Amino acid sequence: MSGLSTMHAQSTTTQIRRQGTNAKLLAATRLEERAQARTRMVADAKSVTLKVVLAIAAVAALSAGGIYAWKTLTDPRWTGLDAIEVRGAHRLDPRAVASESGMVFGKGLMQVEPAKARSLLLTDPWILDVKVVRRWPHRVRLEVRERVPVARLSSERWISVDGTVLPRRGDAVLPLLSAKGFPRGIVPRGIATKSLSALEGMTGVGLKEFDQARMLAEGGLELSGEAGVPRILVRPEGWNRAMARWAALRTELGVNVSLFSEIDLRHGSCAGLRRVEGGV
């Protein structure tokens, strides 16, 4: 019995001593952790505060800079429009083009609306396309592409290759264009497109022998000109070869060319052309 009591007392004493030691260590550890946590919190708070202050300062600086820049860009004293440069105008009057753009001198360049100016300019039938470019601090450039007339519809109306009717501007050697044989006088788009394209090609190479052109219902193009020259019938898509054949045939016929009232170069080949072209 006494042995058992002794063992029990020793065991209890040892257990109590160990618990006390652990408690002090744990308490010290907790105190240290709390102190470290407080230190970290203070450091984090200072860091966050500094970041917030810096962020606010940066935003304020950017806002102030943006406001200053905006005021500068919109202030007519610094960026007021004082010149409109027009490029690519040949038949158009540059002053008229600048006026048609709707832009106002003295107005801040930032307030100029390129899309609106372009839209206004494209209402002019002579203007095929235009690019509006701001040139800081006081200038706008208008880069214009004019339509090119390929034929006359009357003494005061011309027409371009895309079918746009143009009011006459200046002088030009252009064939008078008409149509023949179309129901209700309406020319199908496909025939008109081919004929206008052929006339553009002829104008481009300086072909001035024919001063009248007529679109035909069957898709051909009738060309006529000076006295003593027969009417020439060609296919619009093959006008260049037809003109080469006509030049060869005219040389072959010589003065006898005036005996013909019409020469159809749309189909086959006459004896004179066969000889010129090396045929039988």
Protein backbone atom coordinates (compact mmCIF):
# COMPACT_ATOMS: atom_id res chain seq x y z
CA MET A 1 0.00 0.00 0.00
CA SER A 2 2.73 2.42 0.98
CA GLY A 3 4.54 1.67 -2.25
CA LEU A 4 1.52 2.48 -4.25
CA SER A 5 0.99 5.75 -2.38
CA THR A 6 4.55 6.82 -2.96
CA MET A 7 4.32 6.17 -6.66
CA HIS A 8 1.09 8.09 -6.86
CA ALA A 9 2.49 11.09 -5.05
CA GLN A 10 5.55 11.22 -7.25
CA SER A 11 3.49 10.90 -10.41
CA THR A 12 1.12 13.71 -9.31
CA THR A 13 3.95 16.04 -8.35
CA THR A 14 5.72 15.53 -11.68
CA GLN A 15 2.52 16.14 -13.66
CA ILE A 16 1.72 19.38 -11.85
CA ARG A 17 5.27 20.69 -12.37
CA ARG A 18 5.11 20.06 -16.13
CA GLN A 19 1.71 21.74 -16.48
CA GLY A 20 2.93 24.85 -14.75
CA THR A 21 5.95 25.13 -17.00
CA ASN A 22 3.86 24.74 -20.15
CA ALA A 23 1.38 27.33 -18.96
CA LYS A 24 4.13 29.91 -18.43
CA LEU A 25 5.62 29.13 -21.83
CA LEU A 26 2.23 29.37 -23.50
CA ALA A 27 1.44 32.62 -21.75
CA ALA A 28 4.78 34.09 -22.76
CA THR A 29 4.29 32.89 -26.32
CA ARG A 30 0.82 34.42 -26.48
CA LEU A 31 2.12 37.71 -25.15
CA GLU A 32 4.88 37.74 -27.73
CA GLU A 33 2.48 36.84 -30.54
CA ARG A 34 0.13 39.61 -29.46
CA ALA A 35 2.97 42.09 -29.40
CA GLN A 36 4.09 40.99 -32.86
CA ALA A 37 0.51 41.20 -34.15
CA ARG A 38 0.16 44.73 -32.78
CA THR A 39 3.46 45.66 -34.40
CA ARG A 40 2.34 44.21 -37.73
CA MET A 41 -1.02 45.97 -37.49
CA VAL A 42 0.66 49.28 -36.84
CA ALA A 43 3.07 48.70 -39.73
CA ASP A 44 0.27 47.59 -42.05
CA ALA A 45 -1.85 50.56 -41.07
CA LYS A 46 1.02 52.92 -41.79
CA SER A 47 1.69 51.19 -45.13
CA VAL A 48 -1.98 51.28 -46.14
CA THR A 49 -2.28 54.89 -45.09
CA LEU A 50 0.79 55.82 -47.11
CA LYS A 51 -0.55 53.95 -50.15
CA VAL A 52 -3.94 55.61 -49.85
CA VAL A 53 -2.34 59.02 -49.53
CA LEU A 54 -0.12 58.37 -52.54
CA ALA A 55 -3.06 57.05 -54.56
CA ILE A 56 -5.18 60.07 -53.69
CA ALA A 57 -2.30 62.36 -54.58
CA ALA A 58 -1.80 60.56 -57.92
CA VAL A 59 -5.50 60.74 -58.77
CA ALA A 60 -5.58 64.41 -57.85
CA ALA A 61 -2.51 65.10 -60.00
CA LEU A 62 -3.97 63.19 -62.95
CA SER A 63 -7.30 64.95 -62.57
CA ALA A 64 -5.64 68.34 -62.42
CA GLY A 65 -3.48 67.46 -65.43
CA GLY A 66 -6.51 66.21 -67.35
CA ILE A 67 -8.51 69.33 -66.57
CA TYR A 68 -5.60 71.53 -67.60
CA ALA A 69 -5.08 69.53 -70.82
CA TRP A 70 -8.79 69.66 -71.66
CA LYS A 71 -8.94 73.40 -71.08
CA THR A 72 -5.87 73.83 -73.26
CA LEU A 73 -7.29 71.66 -76.05
CA THR A 74 -10.63 73.45 -76.01
CA ASP A 75 -9.32 76.96 -75.55
CA PRO A 76 -9.42 78.74 -78.93
CA ARG A 77 -6.44 80.84 -77.87
CA TRP A 78 -4.24 77.72 -77.96
CA THR A 79 -5.97 75.37 -80.42
CA GLY A 80 -8.37 77.55 -82.38
CA LEU A 81 -8.87 76.64 -86.04
CA ASP A 82 -7.19 79.26 -88.22
CA ALA A 83 -6.45 77.35 -91.47
CA ILE A 84 -8.12 74.66 -93.61
CA GLU A 85 -5.79 72.97 -96.08
CA VAL A 86 -7.46 71.38 -99.13
CA ARG A 87 -5.59 68.78 -101.16
CA GLY A 88 -6.67 66.93 -104.31
CA ALA A 89 -9.10 69.58 -105.59
CA HIS A 90 -8.69 70.06 -109.34
CA ARG A 91 -12.07 71.11 -110.68
CA LEU A 92 -13.39 72.06 -107.26
CA ASP A 93 -12.68 75.45 -105.68
CA PRO A 94 -10.68 74.84 -102.45
CA ARG A 95 -12.45 77.76 -100.74
CA ALA A 96 -15.83 76.27 -101.61
CA VAL A 97 -14.71 72.87 -100.29
CA ALA A 98 -13.61 74.43 -96.99
CA SER A 99 -16.95 76.22 -96.71
CA GLU A 100 -18.93 73.04 -97.49
CA SER A 101 -17.17 71.23 -94.62
CA GLY A 102 -19.12 73.31 -92.08
CA MET A 103 -16.03 73.99 -89.95
CA VAL A 104 -15.84 77.39 -88.26
CA PHE A 105 -12.62 79.39 -87.97
CA GLY A 106 -11.69 80.27 -84.40
CA LYS A 107 -13.46 77.24 -82.94
CA GLY A 108 -11.35 74.92 -80.78
CA LEU A 109 -9.76 72.14 -82.82
CA MET A 110 -10.99 69.58 -80.29
CA GLN A 111 -14.54 70.65 -81.11
CA VAL A 112 -14.11 69.99 -84.82
CA GLU A 113 -16.04 66.84 -85.80
CA PRO A 114 -14.23 65.06 -88.67
CA ALA A 115 -17.10 62.61 -89.27
CA LYS A 116 -19.63 65.44 -89.57
CA ALA A 117 -17.38 67.44 -91.89
CA ARG A 118 -16.84 64.37 -94.08
CA SER A 119 -20.58 63.68 -94.23
CA LEU A 120 -21.28 67.24 -95.36
CA LEU A 121 -18.59 67.14 -98.04
CA LEU A 122 -19.81 63.83 -99.48
CA THR A 123 -23.11 65.49 -100.40
CA ASP A 124 -21.19 67.25 -103.20
CA PRO A 125 -21.49 64.96 -106.28
CA TRP A 126 -17.98 65.92 -107.39
CA ILE A 127 -16.43 64.51 -104.20
CA LEU A 128 -15.92 60.75 -104.37
CA ASP A 129 -14.19 60.53 -100.99
CA VAL A 130 -12.54 62.82 -98.46
CA LYS A 131 -10.36 62.39 -95.39
CA VAL A 132 -10.54 64.98 -92.60
CA VAL A 133 -7.36 65.21 -90.49
CA ARG A 134 -6.70 67.50 -87.52
CA ARG A 135 -3.25 69.09 -87.68
CA TRP A 136 -2.47 70.45 -84.24
CA PRO A 137 -2.55 73.09 -83.00
CA HIS A 138 -4.46 75.27 -85.52
CA ARG A 139 -5.02 73.44 -88.82
CA VAL A 140 -7.32 70.89 -90.50
CA ARG A 141 -6.40 69.07 -93.71
CA LEU A 142 -9.02 67.92 -96.23
CA GLU A 143 -7.70 65.22 -98.57
CA VAL A 144 -10.21 65.14 -101.44
CA ARG A 145 -10.73 62.56 -104.20
CA GLU A 146 -12.74 64.02 -107.04
CA ARG A 147 -14.92 62.11 -109.46
CA VAL A 148 -13.69 62.10 -113.05
CA PRO A 149 -16.22 62.80 -115.84
CA VAL A 150 -16.22 60.32 -118.73
CA ALA A 151 -19.06 61.68 -120.90
CA ARG A 152 -21.52 64.55 -121.39
CA LEU A 153 -25.25 64.12 -120.90
CA SER A 154 -25.93 67.69 -122.00
CA SER A 155 -24.09 70.98 -122.24
CA GLU A 156 -24.29 71.44 -118.46
CA ARG A 157 -24.39 67.86 -117.15
CA TRP A 158 -21.60 65.33 -117.13
CA ILE A 159 -21.43 61.76 -115.80
CA SER A 160 -18.71 59.79 -114.00
CA VAL A 161 -17.82 56.12 -114.37
CA ASP A 162 -19.92 55.20 -111.31
CA GLY A 163 -23.02 56.78 -112.88
CA THR A 164 -23.06 59.95 -110.76
CA VAL A 165 -24.39 62.97 -112.66
CA LEU A 166 -22.06 65.95 -112.25
CA PRO A 167 -22.78 69.64 -112.81
CA ARG A 168 -20.38 70.97 -115.40
CA ARG A 169 -17.16 72.46 -114.06
CA GLY A 170 -14.75 73.96 -116.55
CA ASP A 171 -14.12 72.42 -119.96
CA ALA A 172 -13.31 68.90 -121.10
CA VAL A 173 -13.31 66.96 -124.38
CA LEU A 174 -15.99 64.36 -123.65
CA PRO A 175 -18.32 62.39 -125.94
CA LEU A 176 -22.04 63.13 -125.77
CA LEU A 177 -23.69 60.03 -124.31
CA SER A 178 -27.21 58.87 -125.24
CA ALA A 179 -29.19 55.63 -125.30
CA LYS A 180 -31.21 53.85 -128.00
CA GLY A 181 -33.75 51.04 -128.00
CA PHE A 182 -34.32 50.64 -124.27
CA PRO A 183 -37.93 50.14 -123.07
CA ARG A 184 -39.17 53.31 -121.32
CA GLY A 185 -35.70 54.75 -121.79
CA ILE A 186 -34.33 52.86 -118.75
CA VAL A 187 -30.80 51.55 -119.27
CA PRO A 188 -30.00 48.42 -117.21
CA ARG A 189 -27.21 48.94 -114.70
CA GLY A 190 -25.00 46.23 -116.23
CA ILE A 191 -25.05 47.82 -119.70
CA ALA A 192 -24.51 51.31 -118.30
CA THR A 193 -21.59 50.17 -116.14
CA LYS A 194 -19.79 48.52 -119.07
CA SER A 195 -20.38 51.47 -121.39
CA LEU A 196 -19.18 54.05 -118.83
CA SER A 197 -16.12 51.94 -118.08
CA ALA A 198 -15.29 51.78 -121.81
CA LEU A 199 -15.68 55.56 -122.13
CA GLU A 200 -13.42 56.05 -119.12
CA GLY A 201 -10.75 53.96 -120.83
CA MET A 202 -11.09 55.92 -124.05
CA THR A 203 -10.87 59.23 -122.22
CA GLY A 204 -7.83 57.96 -120.31
CA VAL A 205 -5.89 57.19 -123.48
CA GLY A 206 -6.88 60.50 -125.06
CA LEU A 207 -9.16 59.07 -127.74
CA LYS A 208 -10.91 62.18 -129.13
CA GLU A 209 -11.90 61.03 -132.61
CA PHE A 210 -15.47 60.25 -131.56
CA ASP A 211 -17.54 62.97 -129.96
CA GLN A 212 -20.75 60.98 -129.56
CA ALA A 213 -21.47 57.64 -127.92
CA ARG A 214 -24.74 55.75 -127.78
CA MET A 215 -25.59 52.79 -125.58
CA LEU A 216 -27.53 50.11 -127.48
CA ALA A 217 -30.14 47.76 -126.05
CA GLU A 218 -28.22 44.69 -127.24
CA GLY A 219 -25.24 45.77 -125.12
CA GLY A 220 -23.10 47.39 -127.79
CA LEU A 221 -21.68 50.88 -127.96
CA GLU A 222 -22.05 53.05 -131.06
CA LEU A 223 -19.35 55.67 -131.61
CA SER A 224 -19.56 58.48 -134.12
CA GLY A 225 -17.57 61.60 -134.78
CA GLU A 226 -16.24 63.87 -137.43
CA ALA A 227 -17.70 64.07 -140.93
CA GLY A 228 -16.52 61.35 -143.29
CA VAL A 229 -15.95 58.87 -140.47
CA PRO A 230 -18.41 55.96 -140.30
CA ARG A 231 -20.22 54.97 -137.10
CA ILE A 232 -18.29 52.28 -135.25
CA LEU A 233 -20.03 49.51 -133.31
CA VAL A 234 -17.98 47.91 -130.52
CA ARG A 235 -18.44 45.76 -127.49
CA PRO A 236 -17.75 47.85 -124.36
CA GLU A 237 -15.68 45.12 -122.73
CA GLY A 238 -13.47 44.88 -125.84
CA TRP A 239 -13.25 48.55 -126.80
CA ASN A 240 -9.43 48.70 -126.74
CA ARG A 241 -8.98 45.88 -129.26
CA ALA A 242 -11.83 47.29 -131.37
CA MET A 243 -10.10 50.68 -131.51
CA ALA A 244 -6.84 49.02 -132.56
CA ARG A 245 -8.71 47.17 -135.33
CA TRP A 246 -10.41 50.40 -136.40
CA ALA A 247 -7.06 52.18 -136.70
CA ALA A 248 -5.69 49.32 -138.83
CA LEU A 249 -8.80 49.22 -140.98
CA ARG A 250 -8.79 52.97 -141.52
CA THR A 251 -5.21 52.79 -142.75
CA GLU A 252 -6.10 49.90 -145.05
CA LEU A 253 -9.13 51.65 -146.54
CA GLY A 254 -7.53 55.05 -146.90
CA VAL A 255 -9.82 57.57 -148.60
CA ASN A 256 -12.36 54.81 -149.22
CA VAL A 257 -13.27 54.85 -145.51
CA SER A 258 -15.76 57.61 -146.22
CA LEU A 259 -17.76 55.19 -148.40
CA PHE A 260 -18.91 53.38 -145.27
CA SER A 261 -21.67 54.71 -143.04
CA GLU A 262 -21.25 52.06 -140.35
CA ILE A 263 -18.64 49.45 -139.46
CA ASP A 264 -19.55 46.73 -136.98
CA LEU A 265 -16.46 45.52 -135.10
CA ARG A 266 -18.43 43.40 -132.62
CA HIS A 267 -18.54 40.24 -134.71
CA GLY A 268 -16.07 38.49 -137.02
CA SER A 269 -13.73 40.35 -139.32
CA CYS A 270 -14.04 41.93 -142.74
CA ALA A 271 -11.68 41.15 -145.63
CA GLY A 272 -9.66 44.32 -145.05
CA LEU A 273 -9.08 43.41 -141.40
CA ARG A 274 -8.16 39.84 -142.29
CA ARG A 275 -5.43 41.13 -144.56
CA VAL A 276 -4.14 43.57 -141.91
CA GLU A 277 -4.25 40.94 -139.19
CA GLY A 278 -2.49 38.34 -141.30
CA GLY A 279 -5.55 36.23 -142.14
CA VAL A 280 -6.78 34.93 -145.47
